[in-house]
C-alpha atoms as a PDB file:
ATOM      1  CA  UNK A   1     -82.210 -26.408  66.052  1.00  0.00           C
ATOM      2  CA  UNK A   2     -81.408 -30.105  65.993  1.00  0.00           C
ATOM      3  CA  UNK A   3     -83.997 -32.055  67.992  1.00  0.00           C
ATOM      4  CA  UNK A   4     -82.578 -35.526  67.412  1.00  0.00           C
ATOM      5  CA  UNK A   5     -80.727 -37.550  69.980  1.00  0.00           C
ATOM      6  CA  UNK A   6     -76.940 -37.432  69.633  1.00  0.00           C
ATOM      7  CA  UNK A   7     -75.319 -40.367  67.861  1.00  0.00           C
ATOM      8  CA  UNK A   8     -73.708 -41.737  71.022  1.00  0.00           C
ATOM      9  CA  UNK A   9     -77.045 -41.873  72.872  1.00  0.00           C
ATOM     10  CA  UNK A  10     -78.761 -43.632  69.973  1.00  0.00           C
ATOM     11  CA  UNK A  11     -75.864 -46.082  69.749  1.00  0.00           C
ATOM     12  CA  UNK A  12     -75.951 -46.920  73.466  1.00  0.00           C
ATOM     13  CA  UNK A  13     -79.726 -47.451  73.466  1.00  0.00           C
ATOM     14  CA  UNK A  14     -79.506 -49.594  70.335  1.00  0.00           C
ATOM     15  CA  UNK A  15     -76.705 -51.792  71.721  1.00  0.00           C
ATOM     16  CA  UNK A  16     -78.584 -52.274  75.002  1.00  0.00           C
ATOM     17  CA  UNK A  17     -81.679 -53.258  73.013  1.00  0.00           C
ATOM     18  CA  UNK A  18     -79.668 -55.780  70.981  1.00  0.00           C
ATOM     19  CA  UNK A  19     -78.182 -57.344  74.090  1.00  0.00           C
ATOM     20  CA  UNK A  20     -81.515 -57.467  75.901  1.00  0.00           C
ATOM     21  CA  UNK A  21     -83.288 -59.064  72.924  1.00  0.00           C
ATOM     22  CA  UNK A  22     -80.551 -61.674  72.536  1.00  0.00           C
ATOM     23  CA  UNK A  23     -80.617 -62.463  76.256  1.00  0.00           C
ATOM     24  CA  UNK A  24     -84.400 -62.791  76.436  1.00  0.00           C
ATOM     25  CA  UNK A  25     -84.606 -64.979  73.349  1.00  0.00           C
ATOM     26  CA  UNK A  26     -81.792 -67.100  74.787  1.00  0.00           C
ATOM     27  CA  UNK A  27     -83.811 -67.663  77.951  1.00  0.00           C
ATOM     28  CA  UNK A  28     -86.928 -68.526  75.962  1.00  0.00           C
ATOM     29  CA  UNK A  29     -84.969 -70.878  73.679  1.00  0.00           C
ATOM     30  CA  UNK A  30     -83.416 -72.651  76.663  1.00  0.00           C
ATOM     31  CA  UNK A  31     -86.810 -73.092  78.322  1.00  0.00           C
ATOM     32  CA  UNK A  32     -88.443 -74.439  75.160  1.00  0.00           C
ATOM     33  CA  UNK A  33     -85.655 -76.562  73.668  1.00  0.00           C
ATOM     34  CA  UNK A  34     -83.568 -77.345  76.803  1.00  0.00           C
ATOM     35  CA  UNK A  35     -80.371 -76.242  75.091  1.00  0.00           C
ATOM     36  CA  UNK A  36     -78.407 -73.147  74.250  1.00  0.00           C
ATOM     37  CA  UNK A  37     -79.305 -71.018  71.254  1.00  0.00           C
ATOM     38  CA  UNK A  38     -76.795 -70.880  68.389  1.00  0.00           C
ATOM     39  CA  UNK A  39     -74.877 -67.619  68.562  1.00  0.00           C
ATOM     40  CA  UNK A  40     -75.706 -66.629  64.991  1.00  0.00           C
ATOM     41  CA  UNK A  41     -79.449 -66.934  65.714  1.00  0.00           C
ATOM     42  CA  UNK A  42     -79.106 -64.725  68.795  1.00  0.00           C
ATOM     43  CA  UNK A  43     -77.137 -62.199  66.735  1.00  0.00           C
ATOM     44  CA  UNK A  44     -79.736 -62.120  63.985  1.00  0.00           C
ATOM     45  CA  UNK A  45     -82.555 -61.625  66.484  1.00  0.00           C
ATOM     46  CA  UNK A  46     -80.634 -58.882  68.278  1.00  0.00           C
ATOM     47  CA  UNK A  47     -79.883 -57.151  64.984  1.00  0.00           C
ATOM     48  CA  UNK A  48     -83.488 -57.346  63.843  1.00  0.00           C
ATOM     49  CA  UNK A  49     -84.631 -55.915  67.175  1.00  0.00           C
ATOM     50  CA  UNK A  50     -82.157 -53.041  66.808  1.00  0.00           C
ATOM     51  CA  UNK A  51     -83.389 -51.891  63.396  1.00  0.00           C
ATOM     52  CA  UNK A  52     -86.788 -50.507  64.463  1.00  0.00           C
ATOM     53  CA  UNK A  53     -85.286 -49.076  67.657  1.00  0.00           C
ATOM     54  CA  UNK A  54     -82.630 -47.191  65.671  1.00  0.00           C
ATOM     55  CA  UNK A  55     -85.273 -45.847  63.291  1.00  0.00           C
ATOM     56  CA  UNK A  56     -87.485 -44.771  66.199  1.00  0.00           C
ATOM     57  CA  UNK A  57     -84.590 -43.042  67.938  1.00  0.00           C
ATOM     58  CA  UNK A  58     -83.753 -41.113  64.764  1.00  0.00           C
ATOM     59  CA  UNK A  59     -87.306 -39.735  64.755  1.00  0.00           C
ATOM     60  CA  UNK A  60     -87.595 -38.712  68.405  1.00  0.00           C
ATOM     61  CA  UNK A  61     -85.532 -36.237  70.307  1.00  0.00           C
ATOM     62  CA  UNK A  62     -84.829 -35.221  73.866  1.00  0.00           C
ATOM     63  CA  UNK A  63     -87.637 -33.539  75.733  1.00  0.00           C
ATOM     64  CA  UNK A  64     -87.378 -29.760  75.723  1.00  0.00           C
ATOM     65  CA  UNK A  65     -88.406 -28.154  78.996  1.00  0.00           C
END
């Protein structure tokens, strides 16, 4: 029995995490430096945030009741 989350659920959670990380770091950058963050920096931060989330989601599965 496969206990891992389906690919589409992992993908949605990972993309949401990437977008949230990029948005939050953009807000922090704007507050600290009073300017917009370069898009490549936001992309790198979002991608780096997605890596551990993807790995975690591969290890956990849906709750079985």
